[in-house]
Amino acid sequence: MRNKLATELALKAHRAFNLSKLTLRVAFARAMLRESRSSRKTRATLNKRPLRGTRVMFMSKSQLCRIARLKLGITKNKKTQQ
């Protein structure tokens, strides 16, 4: 959702100021980097002081993929699916 809004805003700015495509790409890349940095900071803060009664847990991309495959019933071996 946030990326969609950022894209719309970048396109409006591009049209309004007649910016080059390179300028638009650079601005968009900077916005995405800024967003990822702020989420990293939030994650670190959550790890230090979790809310009372909650458990903060972050998984790697491979762990999330493995869980999704298990829930969807997808196995790595294609022969077993046939």
PDB file of N, CA and C in Angstrom:
ATOM      1  N   MET A   1       0.820  -1.184   0.000  1.00  0.00           N
ATOM      2  CA  MET A   1       0.000   0.000   0.000  1.00  0.00           C
ATOM      3  C   MET A   1       0.870   1.255   0.000  1.00  0.00           C
ATOM      4  N   ARG A   2       1.901   1.249   0.847  1.00  0.00           N
ATOM      5  CA  ARG A   2       2.773   2.410   0.942  1.00  0.00           C
ATOM      6  C   ARG A   2       3.527   2.623  -0.367  1.00  0.00           C
ATOM      7  N   ASN A   3       3.944   1.519  -1.020  1.00  0.00           N
ATOM      8  CA  ASN A   3       4.659   1.628  -2.291  1.00  0.00           C
ATOM      9  C   ASN A   3       3.760   2.197  -3.373  1.00  0.00           C
ATOM     10  N   LYS A   4       2.484   1.815  -3.351  1.00  0.00           N
ATOM     11  CA  LYS A   4       1.539   2.318  -4.346  1.00  0.00           C
ATOM     12  C   LYS A   4       1.372   3.828  -4.197  1.00  0.00           C
ATOM     13  N   LEU A   5       1.227   4.294  -2.962  1.00  0.00           N
ATOM     14  CA  LEU A   5       1.093   5.729  -2.719  1.00  0.00           C
ATOM     15  C   LEU A   5       2.361   6.474  -3.113  1.00  0.00           C
ATOM     16  N   ALA A   6       3.514   5.884  -2.814  1.00  0.00           N
ATOM     17  CA  ALA A   6       4.785   6.515  -3.178  1.00  0.00           C
ATOM     18  C   ALA A   6       4.922   6.611  -4.693  1.00  0.00           C
ATOM     19  N   THR A   7       4.477   5.572  -5.393  1.00  0.00           N
ATOM     20  CA  THR A   7       4.542   5.581  -6.853  1.00  0.00           C
ATOM     21  C   THR A   7       3.641   6.658  -7.427  1.00  0.00           C
ATOM     22  N   GLU A   8       2.414   6.750  -6.909  1.00  0.00           N
ATOM     23  CA  GLU A   8       1.481   7.772  -7.390  1.00  0.00           C
ATOM     24  C   GLU A   8       2.029   9.170  -7.146  1.00  0.00           C
ATOM     25  N   LEU A   9       2.587   9.388  -5.967  1.00  0.00           N
ATOM     26  CA  LEU A   9       3.154  10.689  -5.637  1.00  0.00           C
ATOM     27  C   LEU A   9       4.329  11.022  -6.549  1.00  0.00           C
ATOM     28  N   ALA A  10       5.176  10.039  -6.806  1.00  0.00           N
ATOM     29  CA  ALA A  10       6.328  10.258  -7.689  1.00  0.00           C
ATOM     30  C   ALA A  10       5.878  10.589  -9.106  1.00  0.00           C
ATOM     31  N   LEU A  11       4.836   9.904  -9.573  1.00  0.00           N
ATOM     32  CA  LEU A  11       4.334  10.186 -10.923  1.00  0.00           C
ATOM     33  C   LEU A  11       3.722  11.576 -11.009  1.00  0.00           C
ATOM     34  N   LYS A  12       3.007  12.004  -9.962  1.00  0.00           N
ATOM     35  CA  LYS A  12       2.430  13.357  -9.952  1.00  0.00           C
ATOM     36  C   LYS A  12       3.529  14.406  -9.989  1.00  0.00           C
ATOM     37  N   ALA A  13       4.579  14.176  -9.200  1.00  0.00           N
ATOM     38  CA  ALA A  13       5.705  15.115  -9.196  1.00  0.00           C
ATOM     39  C   ALA A  13       6.393  15.126 -10.555  1.00  0.00           C
ATOM     40  N   HIS A  14       6.516  13.961 -11.163  1.00  0.00           N
ATOM     41  CA  HIS A  14       7.144  13.841 -12.481  1.00  0.00           C
ATOM     42  C   HIS A  14       6.377  14.652 -13.520  1.00  0.00           C
ATOM     43  N   ARG A  15       5.054  14.521 -13.490  1.00  0.00           N
ATOM     44  CA  ARG A  15       4.218  15.258 -14.454  1.00  0.00           C
ATOM     45  C   ARG A  15       4.226  16.756 -14.168  1.00  0.00           C
ATOM     46  N   ALA A  16       4.172  17.126 -12.894  1.00  0.00           N
ATOM     47  CA  ALA A  16       4.090  18.536 -12.524  1.00  0.00           C
ATOM     48  C   ALA A  16       5.371  19.296 -12.865  1.00  0.00           C
ATOM     49  N   PHE A  17       6.509  18.686 -12.623  1.00  0.00           N
ATOM     50  CA  PHE A  17       7.771  19.387 -12.822  1.00  0.00           C
ATOM     51  C   PHE A  17       8.508  18.956 -14.083  1.00  0.00           C
ATOM     52  N   ASN A  18       7.888  18.065 -14.867  1.00  0.00           N
ATOM     53  CA  ASN A  18       8.473  17.589 -16.121  1.00  0.00           C
ATOM     54  C   ASN A  18       9.901  17.073 -15.898  1.00  0.00           C
ATOM     55  N   LEU A  19      10.034  16.191 -14.915  1.00  0.00           N
ATOM     56  CA  LEU A  19      11.347  15.647 -14.578  1.00  0.00           C
ATOM     57  C   LEU A  19      11.747  14.544 -15.550  1.00  0.00           C
ATOM     58  N   SER A  20      13.030  14.327 -15.661  1.00  0.00           N
ATOM     59  CA  SER A  20      13.499  13.237 -16.511  1.00  0.00           C
ATOM     60  C   SER A  20      13.243  11.908 -15.810  1.00  0.00           C
ATOM     61  N   LYS A  21      13.262  10.822 -16.568  1.00  0.00           N
ATOM     62  CA  LYS A  21      13.008   9.501 -15.994  1.00  0.00           C
ATOM     63  C   LYS A  21      14.091   9.118 -14.989  1.00  0.00           C
ATOM     64  N   LEU A  22      15.325   9.514 -15.251  1.00  0.00           N
ATOM     65  CA  LEU A  22      16.415   9.202 -14.334  1.00  0.00           C
ATOM     66  C   LEU A  22      16.194   9.878 -12.982  1.00  0.00           C
ATOM     67  N   THR A  23      15.781  11.145 -13.008  1.00  0.00           N
ATOM     68  CA  THR A  23      15.509  11.869 -11.763  1.00  0.00           C
ATOM     69  C   THR A  23      14.405  11.187 -10.986  1.00  0.00           C
ATOM     70  N   LEU A  24      13.383  10.735 -11.688  1.00  0.00           N
ATOM     71  CA  LEU A  24      12.263  10.050 -11.048  1.00  0.00           C
ATOM     72  C   LEU A  24      12.730   8.748 -10.402  1.00  0.00           C
ATOM     73  N   ARG A  25      13.563   7.991 -11.104  1.00  0.00           N
ATOM     74  CA  ARG A  25      14.071   6.728 -10.565  1.00  0.00           C
ATOM     75  C   ARG A  25      14.927   6.950  -9.325  1.00  0.00           C
ATOM     76  N   VAL A  26      15.772   7.974  -9.378  1.00  0.00           N
ATOM     77  CA  VAL A  26      16.640   8.277  -8.238  1.00  0.00           C
ATOM     78  C   VAL A  26      15.798   8.673  -7.028  1.00  0.00           C
ATOM     79  N   ALA A  27      14.790   9.511  -7.238  1.00  0.00           N
ATOM     80  CA  ALA A  27      13.927   9.941  -6.136  1.00  0.00           C
ATOM     81  C   ALA A  27      13.178   8.753  -5.542  1.00  0.00           C
ATOM     82  N   PHE A  28      12.694   7.873  -6.409  1.00  0.00           N
ATOM     83  CA  PHE A  28      11.948   6.704  -5.934  1.00  0.00           C
ATOM     84  C   PHE A  28      12.869   5.759  -5.157  1.00  0.00           C
ATOM     85  N   ALA A  29      14.090   5.544  -5.663  1.00  0.00           N
ATOM     86  CA  ALA A  29      15.043   4.669  -4.974  1.00  0.00           C
ATOM     87  C   ALA A  29      15.407   5.233  -3.602  1.00  0.00           C
ATOM     88  N   ARG A  30      15.593   6.545  -3.523  1.00  0.00           N
ATOM     89  CA  ARG A  30      15.906   7.161  -2.230  1.00  0.00           C
ATOM     90  C   ARG A  30      14.759   6.990  -1.246  1.00  0.00           C
ATOM     91  N   ALA A  31      13.525   7.149  -1.736  1.00  0.00           N
ATOM     92  CA  ALA A  31      12.359   6.986  -0.856  1.00  0.00           C
ATOM     93  C   ALA A  31      12.272   5.555  -0.334  1.00  0.00           C
ATOM     94  N   MET A  32      12.544   4.575  -1.198  1.00  0.00           N
ATOM     95  CA  MET A  32      12.480   3.177  -0.771  1.00  0.00           C
ATOM     96  C   MET A  32      13.589   2.853   0.240  1.00  0.00           C
ATOM     97  N   LEU A  33      14.788   3.406   0.024  1.00  0.00           N
ATOM     98  CA  LEU A  33      15.884   3.187   0.972  1.00  0.00           C
ATOM     99  C   LEU A  33      15.568   3.811   2.323  1.00  0.00           C
ATOM    100  N   ARG A  34      14.996   5.005   2.285  1.00  0.00           N
ATOM    101  CA  ARG A  34      14.630   5.680   3.524  1.00  0.00           C
ATOM    102  C   ARG A  34      13.599   4.860   4.290  1.00  0.00           C
ATOM    103  N   GLU A  35      12.632   4.305   3.555  1.00  0.00           N
ATOM    104  CA  GLU A  35      11.592   3.488   4.184  1.00  0.00           C
ATOM    105  C   GLU A  35      12.187   2.227   4.805  1.00  0.00           C
ATOM    106  N   SER A  36      13.113   1.573   4.102  1.00  0.00           N
ATOM    107  CA  SER A  36      13.698   0.341   4.639  1.00  0.00           C
ATOM    108  C   SER A  36      14.572   0.638   5.856  1.00  0.00           C
ATOM    109  N   ARG A  37      15.252   1.790   5.853  1.00  0.00           N
ATOM    110  CA  ARG A  37      16.055   2.160   7.015  1.00  0.00           C
ATOM    111  C   ARG A  37      15.179   2.403   8.230  1.00  0.00           C
ATOM    112  N   SER A  38      14.054   3.077   8.035  1.00  0.00           N
ATOM    113  CA  SER A  38      13.182   3.369   9.174  1.00  0.00           C
ATOM    114  C   SER A  38      12.553   2.094   9.715  1.00  0.00           C
ATOM    115  N   SER A  39      12.238   1.128   8.838  1.00  0.00           N
ATOM    116  CA  SER A  39      11.652  -0.119   9.327  1.00  0.00           C
ATOM    117  C   SER A  39      12.689  -0.934  10.092  1.00  0.00           C
ATOM    118  N   ARG A  40      13.960  -0.847   9.683  1.00  0.00           N
ATOM    119  CA  ARG A  40      15.018  -1.538  10.414  1.00  0.00           C
ATOM    120  C   ARG A  40      15.167  -0.961  11.819  1.00  0.00           C
ATOM    121  N   LYS A  41      15.075   0.355  11.906  1.00  0.00           N
ATOM    122  CA  LYS A  41      15.197   1.016  13.201  1.00  0.00           C
ATOM    123  C   LYS A  41      14.037   0.595  14.105  1.00  0.00           C
ATOM    124  N   THR A  42      12.836   0.554  13.569  1.00  0.00           N
ATOM    125  CA  THR A  42      11.662   0.143  14.338  1.00  0.00           C
ATOM    126  C   THR A  42      11.820  -1.294  14.807  1.00  0.00           C
ATOM    127  N   ARG A  43      12.301  -2.162  13.934  1.00  0.00           N
ATOM    128  CA  ARG A  43      12.494  -3.570  14.272  1.00  0.00           C
ATOM    129  C   ARG A  43      13.484  -3.712  15.429  1.00  0.00           C
ATOM    130  N   ALA A  44      14.565  -2.944  15.383  1.00  0.00           N
ATOM    131  CA  ALA A  44      15.560  -3.005  16.452  1.00  0.00           C
ATOM    132  C   ALA A  44      14.960  -2.519  17.767  1.00  0.00           C
ATOM    133  N   THR A  45      14.141  -1.485  17.705  1.00  0.00           N
ATOM    134  CA  THR A  45      13.495  -0.971  18.910  1.00  0.00           C
ATOM    135  C   THR A  45      12.554  -2.004  19.488  1.00  0.00           C
ATOM    136  N   LEU A  46      11.816  -2.692  18.624  1.00  0.00           N
ATOM    137  CA  LEU A  46      10.890  -3.715  19.099  1.00  0.00           C
ATOM    138  C   LEU A  46      11.630  -4.873  19.749  1.00  0.00           C
ATOM    139  N   ASN A  47      12.779  -5.234  19.201  1.00  0.00           N
ATOM    140  CA  ASN A  47      13.553  -6.328  19.784  1.00  0.00           C
ATOM    141  C   ASN A  47      14.066  -5.975  21.175  1.00  0.00           C
ATOM    142  N   LYS A  48      14.394  -4.723  21.386  1.00  0.00           N
ATOM    143  CA  LYS A  48      14.908  -4.312  22.691  1.00  0.00           C
ATOM    144  C   LYS A  48      13.803  -4.276  23.742  1.00  0.00           C
ATOM    145  N   ARG A  49      12.648  -3.721  23.370  1.00  0.00           N
ATOM    146  CA  ARG A  49      11.569  -3.577  24.347  1.00  0.00           C
ATOM    147  C   ARG A  49      10.255  -4.100  23.780  1.00  0.00           C
ATOM    148  N   PRO A  50      10.022  -5.393  23.825  1.00  0.00           N
ATOM    149  CA  PRO A  50       8.745  -5.903  23.326  1.00  0.00           C
ATOM    150  C   PRO A  50       7.600  -5.498  24.248  1.00  0.00           C
ATOM    151  N   LEU A  51       6.417  -5.383  23.677  1.00  0.00           N
ATOM    152  CA  LEU A  51       5.245  -5.033  24.466  1.00  0.00           C
ATOM    153  C   LEU A  51       4.937  -6.136  25.457  1.00  0.00           C
ATOM    154  N   ARG A  52       4.359  -5.773  26.556  1.00  0.00           N
ATOM    155  CA  ARG A  52       4.045  -6.747  27.605  1.00  0.00           C
ATOM    156  C   ARG A  52       3.010  -7.747  27.094  1.00  0.00           C
ATOM    157  N   GLY A  53       3.295  -9.024  27.292  1.00  0.00           N
ATOM    158  CA  GLY A  53       2.356 -10.070  26.894  1.00  0.00           C
ATOM    159  C   GLY A  53       2.425 -10.456  25.429  1.00  0.00           C
ATOM    160  N   THR A  54       3.350  -9.876  24.684  1.00  0.00           N
ATOM    161  CA  THR A  54       3.476 -10.227  23.265  1.00  0.00           C
ATOM    162  C   THR A  54       4.872 -10.758  23.003  1.00  0.00           C
ATOM    163  N   ARG A  55       4.988 -11.510  21.942  1.00  0.00           N
ATOM    164  CA  ARG A  55       6.287 -12.042  21.558  1.00  0.00           C
ATOM    165  C   ARG A  55       6.632 -11.502  20.183  1.00  0.00           C
ATOM    166  N   VAL A  56       7.723 -10.815  20.070  1.00  0.00           N
ATOM    167  CA  VAL A  56       8.152 -10.250  18.801  1.00  0.00           C
ATOM    168  C   VAL A  56       9.048 -11.263  18.115  1.00  0.00           C
ATOM    169  N   MET A  57       8.689 -11.613  16.868  1.00  0.00           N
ATOM    170  CA  MET A  57       9.470 -12.614  16.156  1.00  0.00           C
ATOM    171  C   MET A  57       9.590 -12.203  14.691  1.00  0.00           C
ATOM    172  N   PHE A  58      10.787 -12.194  14.173  1.00  0.00           N
ATOM    173  CA  PHE A  58      11.017 -11.884  12.774  1.00  0.00           C
ATOM    174  C   PHE A  58      11.631 -13.096  12.104  1.00  0.00           C
ATOM    175  N   MET A  59      11.118 -13.419  10.920  1.00  0.00           N
ATOM    176  CA  MET A  59      11.609 -14.587  10.200  1.00  0.00           C
ATOM    177  C   MET A  59      12.327 -14.152   8.936  1.00  0.00           C
ATOM    178  N   SER A  60      13.246 -14.977   8.510  1.00  0.00           N
ATOM    179  CA  SER A  60      13.940 -14.703   7.263  1.00  0.00           C
ATOM    180  C   SER A  60      13.014 -15.042   6.097  1.00  0.00           C
ATOM    181  N   LYS A  61      13.395 -14.584   4.926  1.00  0.00           N
ATOM    182  CA  LYS A  61      12.593 -14.830   3.731  1.00  0.00           C
ATOM    183  C   LYS A  61      12.460 -16.327   3.454  1.00  0.00           C
ATOM    184  N   SER A  62      13.539 -17.081   3.656  1.00  0.00           N
ATOM    185  CA  SER A  62      13.486 -18.525   3.396  1.00  0.00           C
ATOM    186  C   SER A  62      12.547 -19.225   4.374  1.00  0.00           C
ATOM    187  N   GLN A  63      12.528 -18.769   5.631  1.00  0.00           N
ATOM    188  CA  GLN A  63      11.605 -19.355   6.605  1.00  0.00           C
ATOM    189  C   GLN A  63      10.159 -19.081   6.217  1.00  0.00           C
ATOM    190  N   LEU A  64       9.878 -17.847   5.772  1.00  0.00           N
ATOM    191  CA  LEU A  64       8.519 -17.503   5.352  1.00  0.00           C
ATOM    192  C   LEU A  64       8.097 -18.324   4.139  1.00  0.00           C
ATOM    193  N   CYS A  65       9.015 -18.521   3.195  1.00  0.00           N
ATOM    194  CA  CYS A  65       8.712 -19.327   2.002  1.00  0.00           C
ATOM    195  C   CYS A  65       8.425 -20.773   2.386  1.00  0.00           C
ATOM    196  N   ARG A  66       9.212 -21.309   3.316  1.00  0.00           N
ATOM    197  CA  ARG A  66       9.011 -22.686   3.755  1.00  0.00           C
ATOM    198  C   ARG A  66       7.634 -22.853   4.403  1.00  0.00           C
ATOM    199  N   ILE A  67       7.247 -21.907   5.242  1.00  0.00           N
ATOM    200  CA  ILE A  67       5.935 -21.971   5.895  1.00  0.00           C
ATOM    201  C   ILE A  67       4.822 -21.869   4.863  1.00  0.00           C
ATOM    202  N   ALA A  68       4.983 -20.973   3.883  1.00  0.00           N
ATOM    203  CA  ALA A  68       3.967 -20.823   2.838  1.00  0.00           C
ATOM    204  C   ALA A  68       3.835 -22.105   2.027  1.00  0.00           C
ATOM    205  N   ARG A  69       4.980 -22.741   1.696  1.00  0.00           N
ATOM    206  CA  ARG A  69       4.925 -23.998   0.940  1.00  0.00           C
ATOM    207  C   ARG A  69       4.212 -25.081   1.735  1.00  0.00           C
ATOM    208  N   LEU A  70       4.488 -25.155   3.032  1.00  0.00           N
ATOM    209  CA  LEU A  70       3.829 -26.161   3.869  1.00  0.00           C
ATOM    210  C   LEU A  70       2.321 -25.934   3.926  1.00  0.00           C
ATOM    211  N   LYS A  71       1.917 -24.669   4.079  1.00  0.00           N
ATOM    212  CA  LYS A  71       0.487 -24.363   4.170  1.00  0.00           C
ATOM    213  C   LYS A  71      -0.234 -24.628   2.854  1.00  0.00           C
ATOM    214  N   LEU A  72       0.466 -24.388   1.738  1.00  0.00           N
ATOM    215  CA  LEU A  72      -0.150 -24.602   0.428  1.00  0.00           C
ATOM    216  C   LEU A  72       0.010 -26.035  -0.065  1.00  0.00           C
ATOM    217  N   GLY A  73       0.793 -26.830   0.634  1.00  0.00           N
ATOM    218  CA  GLY A  73       1.007 -28.216   0.236  1.00  0.00           C
ATOM    219  C   GLY A  73       1.954 -28.371  -0.934  1.00  0.00           C
ATOM    220  N   ILE A  74       2.850 -27.427  -1.110  1.00  0.00           N
ATOM    221  CA  ILE A  74       3.811 -27.468  -2.215  1.00  0.00           C
ATOM    222  C   ILE A  74       5.101 -28.103  -1.710  1.00  0.00           C
ATOM    223  N   THR A  75       5.590 -29.084  -2.458  1.00  0.00           N
ATOM    224  CA  THR A  75       6.866 -29.703  -2.099  1.00  0.00           C
ATOM    225  C   THR A  75       7.900 -29.331  -3.141  1.00  0.00           C
ATOM    226  N   LYS A  76       9.159 -29.453  -2.797  1.00  0.00           N
ATOM    227  CA  LYS A  76      10.231 -29.119  -3.735  1.00  0.00           C
ATOM    228  C   LYS A  76      10.340 -30.142  -4.851  1.00  0.00           C
ATOM    229  N   ASN A  77      10.065 -31.398  -4.540  1.00  0.00           N
ATOM    230  CA  ASN A  77      10.204 -32.465  -5.515  1.00  0.00           C
ATOM    231  C   ASN A  77       8.986 -32.481  -6.435  1.00  0.00           C
ATOM    232  N   LYS A  78       9.191 -32.225  -7.734  1.00  0.00           N
ATOM    233  CA  LYS A  78       8.079 -32.171  -8.682  1.00  0.00           C
ATOM    234  C   LYS A  78       7.487 -33.547  -8.958  1.00  0.00           C
ATOM    235  N   LYS A  79       8.275 -34.606  -8.784  1.00  0.00           N
ATOM    236  CA  LYS A  79       7.782 -35.956  -9.057  1.00  0.00           C
ATOM    237  C   LYS A  79       6.668 -36.350  -8.092  1.00  0.00           C
ATOM    238  N   THR A  80       6.731 -35.865  -6.856  1.00  0.00           N
ATOM    239  CA  THR A  80       5.705 -36.229  -5.873  1.00  0.00           C
ATOM    240  C   THR A  80       4.390 -35.505  -6.128  1.00  0.00           C
ATOM    241  N   GLN A  81       4.430 -34.396  -6.873  1.00  0.00           N
ATOM    242  CA  GLN A  81       3.202 -33.650  -7.150  1.00  0.00           C
ATOM    243  C   GLN A  81       2.367 -34.318  -8.239  1.00  0.00           C
ATOM    244  N   GLN A  82       2.993 -35.099  -9.125  1.00  0.00           N
ATOM    245  CA  GLN A  82       2.275 -35.679 -10.262  1.00  0.00           C
ATOM    246  C   GLN A  82       1.427 -36.843  -9.873  1.00  0.00           C
TER     247      GLN A  82
END
